[in-house]
């Protein structure tokens, strides 16, 4: 089976690194699925989205990612995020509270709501 090296790095830490068979991410121009041998690509990640990495060991890792870039070569995928959090690290009640507090009539509130929604989606708790 073909595989590729994937690294997901946030400003504060490396979150995921290893061999993967598939990466799914949302960029500012749409969703992209990456398989080994993908055409070289550089894309800006959506401000608040979800990234899924399917490891070659059969595991799947879902993360909430806020801002950053996706760099793809035929053998490597690098996700450089401003902030990222694995699904199992997400405090669902805290994300719901942030969503409830967000004032979506203002740009900052809309961005906070989008981040909270991405966290809930990554955690499998989106409504």
N, C-alpha and C. Protein backbone atom coordinates (compact mmCIF):
# COMPACT_ATOMS: atom_id res chain seq x y z
N UNK A 1 0.84 -1.18 0.00
CA UNK A 1 0.00 0.00 0.00
C UNK A 1 0.89 1.25 0.00
N UNK A 2 0.53 2.24 -0.80
CA UNK A 2 1.28 3.49 -0.85
C UNK A 2 0.98 4.31 0.40
N UNK A 3 1.99 5.04 0.83
CA UNK A 3 1.80 5.90 1.98
C UNK A 3 2.59 7.18 1.79
N UNK A 4 2.38 8.11 2.70
CA UNK A 4 3.07 9.39 2.67
C UNK A 4 3.37 9.82 4.10
N UNK A 5 4.35 10.66 4.25
CA UNK A 5 4.71 11.20 5.55
C UNK A 5 3.87 12.44 5.80
N UNK A 6 3.23 12.47 6.96
CA UNK A 6 2.36 13.60 7.31
C UNK A 6 2.82 14.20 8.63
N UNK A 7 2.86 15.52 8.66
CA UNK A 7 3.15 16.23 9.90
C UNK A 7 2.11 17.33 10.06
N UNK A 8 1.53 17.40 11.25
CA UNK A 8 0.63 18.49 11.58
C UNK A 8 1.24 19.22 12.76
N UNK A 9 1.61 20.46 12.52
CA UNK A 9 2.31 21.26 13.52
C UNK A 9 1.52 22.53 13.79
N UNK A 10 1.28 22.80 15.05
CA UNK A 10 0.66 24.07 15.46
C UNK A 10 1.76 24.95 16.04
N UNK A 11 1.44 26.20 16.28
CA UNK A 11 2.44 27.13 16.79
C UNK A 11 3.11 26.60 18.05
N UNK A 12 2.32 26.01 18.94
CA UNK A 12 2.86 25.62 20.24
C UNK A 12 3.44 24.20 20.31
N UNK A 13 3.13 23.32 19.31
CA UNK A 13 3.62 21.95 19.40
C UNK A 13 3.38 21.16 18.12
N UNK A 14 4.11 20.05 17.98
CA UNK A 14 3.83 19.09 16.92
C UNK A 14 2.70 18.20 17.43
N UNK A 15 1.63 18.10 16.67
CA UNK A 15 0.46 17.37 17.14
C UNK A 15 0.38 15.97 16.56
N UNK A 16 0.75 15.80 15.30
CA UNK A 16 0.69 14.48 14.68
C UNK A 16 1.82 14.36 13.68
N UNK A 17 2.47 13.21 13.69
CA UNK A 17 3.54 12.94 12.74
C UNK A 17 3.59 11.44 12.48
N UNK A 18 3.67 11.06 11.22
CA UNK A 18 3.75 9.65 10.91
C UNK A 18 3.40 9.34 9.46
N UNK A 19 3.15 8.08 9.20
CA UNK A 19 2.80 7.62 7.87
C UNK A 19 1.27 7.58 7.75
N UNK A 20 0.77 8.04 6.62
CA UNK A 20 -0.67 8.07 6.40
C UNK A 20 -0.99 7.65 4.97
N UNK A 21 -2.23 7.21 4.80
CA UNK A 21 -2.70 6.83 3.48
C UNK A 21 -3.64 7.87 2.89
N UNK A 22 -4.15 8.80 3.73
CA UNK A 22 -5.11 9.80 3.27
C UNK A 22 -5.16 10.97 4.24
N UNK A 23 -5.32 12.18 3.70
CA UNK A 23 -5.52 13.38 4.50
C UNK A 23 -6.69 14.15 3.89
N UNK A 24 -7.58 14.61 4.74
CA UNK A 24 -8.73 15.41 4.30
C UNK A 24 -8.67 16.74 5.04
N UNK A 25 -8.73 17.85 4.29
CA UNK A 25 -8.66 19.18 4.90
C UNK A 25 -9.55 20.14 4.14
N UNK A 26 -9.94 21.21 4.82
CA UNK A 26 -10.75 22.24 4.17
C UNK A 26 -9.88 23.48 4.01
N UNK A 27 -9.77 23.91 2.76
CA UNK A 27 -9.00 25.11 2.46
C UNK A 27 -9.96 26.26 2.16
N UNK A 28 -9.41 27.42 1.91
CA UNK A 28 -10.25 28.58 1.62
C UNK A 28 -10.97 28.45 0.28
N UNK A 29 -10.56 27.50 -0.56
CA UNK A 29 -11.23 27.30 -1.85
C UNK A 29 -11.99 25.99 -1.92
N UNK A 30 -12.08 25.28 -0.80
CA UNK A 30 -12.85 24.04 -0.76
C UNK A 30 -12.12 22.91 -0.08
N UNK A 31 -12.79 21.78 -0.01
CA UNK A 31 -12.25 20.60 0.66
C UNK A 31 -11.28 19.88 -0.28
N UNK A 32 -10.20 19.34 0.28
CA UNK A 32 -9.22 18.62 -0.52
C UNK A 32 -8.89 17.30 0.16
N UNK A 33 -8.90 16.26 -0.63
CA UNK A 33 -8.49 14.94 -0.17
C UNK A 33 -7.14 14.63 -0.80
N UNK A 34 -6.21 14.16 0.02
CA UNK A 34 -4.85 13.94 -0.45
C UNK A 34 -4.48 12.47 -0.31
N UNK A 35 -4.07 11.88 -1.41
CA UNK A 35 -3.56 10.51 -1.44
C UNK A 35 -2.07 10.56 -1.79
N UNK A 36 -1.30 9.52 -1.49
CA UNK A 36 0.10 9.49 -1.90
C UNK A 36 0.22 9.74 -3.41
N UNK A 37 1.24 10.50 -3.80
CA UNK A 37 1.46 10.82 -5.20
C UNK A 37 0.71 12.06 -5.67
N UNK A 38 0.06 12.77 -4.74
CA UNK A 38 -0.70 13.98 -5.09
C UNK A 38 0.20 15.02 -5.74
N UNK A 39 -0.38 15.77 -6.62
CA UNK A 39 0.31 16.88 -7.27
C UNK A 39 0.76 17.89 -6.21
N UNK A 40 1.97 18.47 -6.34
CA UNK A 40 2.41 19.48 -5.38
C UNK A 40 1.41 20.63 -5.30
N UNK A 41 1.08 21.00 -4.08
CA UNK A 41 0.06 22.02 -3.84
C UNK A 41 0.40 22.79 -2.57
N UNK A 42 0.11 24.07 -2.57
CA UNK A 42 0.19 24.89 -1.37
C UNK A 42 -1.15 25.59 -1.24
N UNK A 43 -1.81 25.44 -0.10
CA UNK A 43 -3.14 26.02 0.08
C UNK A 43 -3.28 26.62 1.47
N UNK A 44 -4.09 27.64 1.56
CA UNK A 44 -4.42 28.25 2.84
C UNK A 44 -5.58 27.49 3.45
N UNK A 45 -5.45 27.11 4.72
CA UNK A 45 -6.53 26.42 5.41
C UNK A 45 -7.65 27.38 5.76
N UNK A 46 -8.85 26.84 5.82
CA UNK A 46 -10.00 27.61 6.26
C UNK A 46 -9.71 28.13 7.68
N UNK A 47 -10.26 29.27 8.01
CA UNK A 47 -10.01 29.87 9.33
C UNK A 47 -10.39 28.95 10.48
N UNK A 48 -11.43 28.17 10.31
CA UNK A 48 -11.84 27.20 11.34
C UNK A 48 -12.37 25.98 10.62
N UNK A 49 -11.65 24.88 10.72
CA UNK A 49 -12.06 23.68 10.01
C UNK A 49 -11.60 22.42 10.70
N UNK A 50 -11.81 21.31 10.00
CA UNK A 50 -11.48 20.00 10.53
C UNK A 50 -10.51 19.33 9.55
N UNK A 51 -9.49 18.67 10.10
CA UNK A 51 -8.55 17.88 9.31
C UNK A 51 -8.64 16.45 9.80
N UNK A 52 -8.68 15.50 8.84
CA UNK A 52 -8.66 14.08 9.20
C UNK A 52 -7.45 13.44 8.56
N UNK A 53 -6.73 12.66 9.36
CA UNK A 53 -5.56 11.94 8.89
C UNK A 53 -5.82 10.45 9.10
N UNK A 54 -5.76 9.68 8.03
CA UNK A 54 -5.91 8.23 8.11
C UNK A 54 -4.52 7.61 8.09
N UNK A 55 -4.08 7.12 9.25
CA UNK A 55 -2.77 6.52 9.37
C UNK A 55 -2.70 5.17 8.66
N UNK A 56 -1.50 4.76 8.28
CA UNK A 56 -1.33 3.47 7.62
C UNK A 56 -1.56 2.31 8.57
N UNK A 57 -1.61 2.59 9.87
CA UNK A 57 -1.87 1.54 10.87
C UNK A 57 -3.37 1.30 11.07
N UNK A 58 -4.21 1.97 10.28
CA UNK A 58 -5.65 1.78 10.38
C UNK A 58 -6.36 2.77 11.29
N UNK A 59 -5.62 3.62 11.96
CA UNK A 59 -6.24 4.62 12.83
C UNK A 59 -6.61 5.87 12.04
N UNK A 60 -7.58 6.59 12.55
CA UNK A 60 -7.98 7.85 11.95
C UNK A 60 -7.94 8.91 13.05
N UNK A 61 -7.29 10.03 12.77
CA UNK A 61 -7.16 11.12 13.73
C UNK A 61 -7.89 12.33 13.18
N UNK A 62 -8.80 12.88 13.98
CA UNK A 62 -9.56 14.06 13.58
C UNK A 62 -9.13 15.22 14.48
N UNK A 63 -8.93 16.38 13.85
CA UNK A 63 -8.45 17.54 14.58
C UNK A 63 -9.23 18.79 14.18
N UNK A 64 -9.45 19.67 15.15
CA UNK A 64 -9.97 21.01 14.86
C UNK A 64 -8.75 21.87 14.57
N UNK A 65 -8.77 22.57 13.45
CA UNK A 65 -7.62 23.37 13.04
C UNK A 65 -8.11 24.79 12.74
N UNK A 66 -7.37 25.76 13.26
CA UNK A 66 -7.72 27.16 13.07
C UNK A 66 -6.59 27.86 12.33
N UNK A 67 -6.84 28.20 11.08
CA UNK A 67 -5.88 28.94 10.27
C UNK A 67 -4.62 28.15 9.95
N UNK A 68 -3.88 28.65 8.99
CA UNK A 68 -2.61 28.03 8.64
C UNK A 68 -2.56 27.63 7.17
N UNK A 69 -1.61 26.73 6.87
CA UNK A 69 -1.36 26.33 5.49
C UNK A 69 -1.20 24.83 5.36
N UNK A 70 -1.45 24.34 4.15
CA UNK A 70 -1.31 22.94 3.80
C UNK A 70 -0.31 22.88 2.66
N UNK A 71 0.78 22.13 2.86
CA UNK A 71 1.79 21.96 1.83
C UNK A 71 1.83 20.49 1.43
N UNK A 72 1.69 20.23 0.13
CA UNK A 72 1.61 18.86 -0.36
C UNK A 72 2.69 18.63 -1.42
N UNK A 73 3.41 17.51 -1.28
CA UNK A 73 4.30 17.01 -2.32
C UNK A 73 3.85 15.57 -2.57
N UNK A 74 4.37 14.90 -3.59
CA UNK A 74 3.93 13.53 -3.85
C UNK A 74 4.13 12.57 -2.66
N UNK A 75 5.11 12.85 -1.79
CA UNK A 75 5.43 11.95 -0.69
C UNK A 75 5.16 12.51 0.69
N UNK A 76 4.82 13.79 0.79
CA UNK A 76 4.68 14.44 2.10
C UNK A 76 3.50 15.40 2.13
N UNK A 77 2.90 15.49 3.31
CA UNK A 77 1.88 16.51 3.58
C UNK A 77 2.28 17.18 4.89
N UNK A 78 2.34 18.49 4.86
CA UNK A 78 2.63 19.25 6.08
C UNK A 78 1.49 20.23 6.30
N UNK A 79 0.93 20.18 7.50
CA UNK A 79 -0.11 21.13 7.90
C UNK A 79 0.52 22.02 8.95
N UNK A 80 0.61 23.31 8.64
CA UNK A 80 1.13 24.30 9.58
C UNK A 80 -0.05 25.13 10.04
N UNK A 81 -0.47 24.91 11.27
CA UNK A 81 -1.68 25.56 11.78
C UNK A 81 -1.36 26.60 12.84
N UNK A 82 -2.19 27.62 12.91
CA UNK A 82 -2.07 28.58 13.99
C UNK A 82 -2.43 27.92 15.32
N UNK A 83 -3.48 27.10 15.29
CA UNK A 83 -3.92 26.37 16.47
C UNK A 83 -4.55 25.07 16.00
N UNK A 84 -4.29 23.98 16.71
CA UNK A 84 -4.91 22.69 16.37
C UNK A 84 -5.10 21.89 17.66
N UNK A 85 -6.13 21.06 17.63
CA UNK A 85 -6.50 20.29 18.81
C UNK A 85 -7.08 18.95 18.36
N UNK A 86 -6.55 17.85 18.89
CA UNK A 86 -7.09 16.54 18.58
C UNK A 86 -8.50 16.42 19.14
N UNK A 87 -9.34 15.62 18.47
CA UNK A 87 -10.74 15.46 18.89
C UNK A 87 -10.84 15.04 20.35
N UNK A 88 -9.99 14.11 20.78
CA UNK A 88 -10.09 13.63 22.16
C UNK A 88 -9.62 14.65 23.19
N UNK A 89 -8.97 15.72 22.76
CA UNK A 89 -8.53 16.77 23.68
C UNK A 89 -9.57 17.88 23.85
N UNK A 90 -10.59 17.87 23.02
CA UNK A 90 -11.57 18.95 23.01
C UNK A 90 -12.55 18.83 24.18
N UNK A 91 -12.71 19.91 24.90
CA UNK A 91 -13.70 19.99 25.99
C UNK A 91 -15.01 20.44 25.35
N UNK A 92 -15.91 19.48 25.12
CA UNK A 92 -17.16 19.75 24.41
C UNK A 92 -18.01 20.79 25.12
N UNK A 93 -18.12 20.69 26.45
CA UNK A 93 -18.96 21.66 27.17
C UNK A 93 -18.38 23.07 27.05
N UNK A 94 -17.07 23.19 27.05
CA UNK A 94 -16.43 24.50 26.90
C UNK A 94 -16.66 25.05 25.48
N UNK A 95 -16.59 24.18 24.47
CA UNK A 95 -16.83 24.60 23.09
C UNK A 95 -18.28 25.05 22.92
N UNK A 96 -19.21 24.32 23.53
CA UNK A 96 -20.63 24.71 23.44
C UNK A 96 -20.86 26.06 24.13
N UNK A 97 -20.22 26.26 25.28
CA UNK A 97 -20.35 27.54 25.99
C UNK A 97 -19.79 28.68 25.14
N UNK A 98 -18.66 28.44 24.46
CA UNK A 98 -18.09 29.47 23.59
C UNK A 98 -19.02 29.79 22.43
N UNK A 99 -19.67 28.77 21.91
CA UNK A 99 -20.64 28.97 20.82
C UNK A 99 -21.83 29.79 21.31
N UNK A 100 -22.31 29.49 22.50
CA UNK A 100 -23.44 30.22 23.08
C UNK A 100 -23.09 31.69 23.34
N UNK A 101 -21.85 31.96 23.73
CA UNK A 101 -21.41 33.32 24.04
C UNK A 101 -21.13 34.16 22.80
N UNK A 102 -20.85 33.51 21.69
CA UNK A 102 -20.42 34.22 20.48
C UNK A 102 -21.53 35.13 19.95
N UNK A 103 -21.18 36.38 19.73
CA UNK A 103 -22.10 37.35 19.14
C UNK A 103 -21.82 37.37 17.64
N UNK A 104 -22.63 36.64 16.89
CA UNK A 104 -22.37 36.47 15.47
C UNK A 104 -22.69 37.72 14.63
N UNK A 105 -23.19 38.77 15.26
CA UNK A 105 -23.45 40.00 14.53
C UNK A 105 -22.17 40.82 14.31
N UNK A 106 -21.10 40.42 14.97
CA UNK A 106 -19.81 41.09 14.82
C UNK A 106 -18.80 40.11 14.24
N UNK A 107 -17.83 40.60 13.46
CA UNK A 107 -16.84 39.70 12.84
C UNK A 107 -16.09 38.82 13.85
N UNK A 108 -15.71 39.39 14.98
CA UNK A 108 -14.98 38.61 15.98
C UNK A 108 -15.86 37.50 16.56
N UNK A 109 -17.12 37.80 16.76
CA UNK A 109 -18.06 36.82 17.28
C UNK A 109 -18.33 35.72 16.28
N UNK A 110 -18.43 36.09 15.00
CA UNK A 110 -18.65 35.09 13.96
C UNK A 110 -17.45 34.15 13.86
N UNK A 111 -16.24 34.70 13.99
CA UNK A 111 -15.03 33.88 13.95
C UNK A 111 -14.97 32.95 15.17
N UNK A 112 -15.37 33.45 16.33
CA UNK A 112 -15.39 32.62 17.54
C UNK A 112 -16.41 31.50 17.40
N UNK A 113 -17.56 31.80 16.81
CA UNK A 113 -18.58 30.77 16.58
C UNK A 113 -18.08 29.72 15.60
N UNK A 114 -17.37 30.14 14.56
CA UNK A 114 -16.82 29.19 13.58
C UNK A 114 -15.79 28.27 14.24
N UNK A 115 -14.94 28.83 15.09
CA UNK A 115 -13.94 28.01 15.79
C UNK A 115 -14.62 27.01 16.73
N UNK A 116 -15.64 27.46 17.45
CA UNK A 116 -16.37 26.57 18.36
C UNK A 116 -17.07 25.46 17.57
N UNK A 117 -17.67 25.81 16.44
CA UNK A 117 -18.32 24.80 15.61
C UNK A 117 -17.32 23.78 15.07
N UNK A 118 -16.14 24.25 14.66
CA UNK A 118 -15.11 23.33 14.18
C UNK A 118 -14.68 22.37 15.28
N UNK A 119 -14.53 22.88 16.49
CA UNK A 119 -14.15 22.03 17.62
C UNK A 119 -15.22 20.99 17.89
N UNK A 120 -16.50 21.41 17.85
CA UNK A 120 -17.59 20.46 18.09
C UNK A 120 -17.67 19.42 16.97
N UNK A 121 -17.47 19.84 15.74
CA UNK A 121 -17.50 18.91 14.61
C UNK A 121 -16.36 17.88 14.74
N UNK A 122 -15.17 18.36 15.07
CA UNK A 122 -14.03 17.45 15.22
C UNK A 122 -14.27 16.44 16.34
N UNK A 123 -14.93 16.89 17.41
CA UNK A 123 -15.20 16.02 18.55
C UNK A 123 -16.40 15.12 18.32
N UNK A 124 -17.08 15.29 17.18
CA UNK A 124 -18.26 14.46 16.90
C UNK A 124 -19.48 14.90 17.68
N UNK A 125 -19.49 16.16 18.13
CA UNK A 125 -20.59 16.63 18.96
C UNK A 125 -21.36 17.78 18.31
N UNK A 126 -21.19 17.97 17.01
CA UNK A 126 -21.91 19.04 16.32
C UNK A 126 -23.40 18.71 16.27
N UNK A 127 -24.19 19.76 16.38
CA UNK A 127 -25.65 19.57 16.39
C UNK A 127 -26.22 19.68 15.01
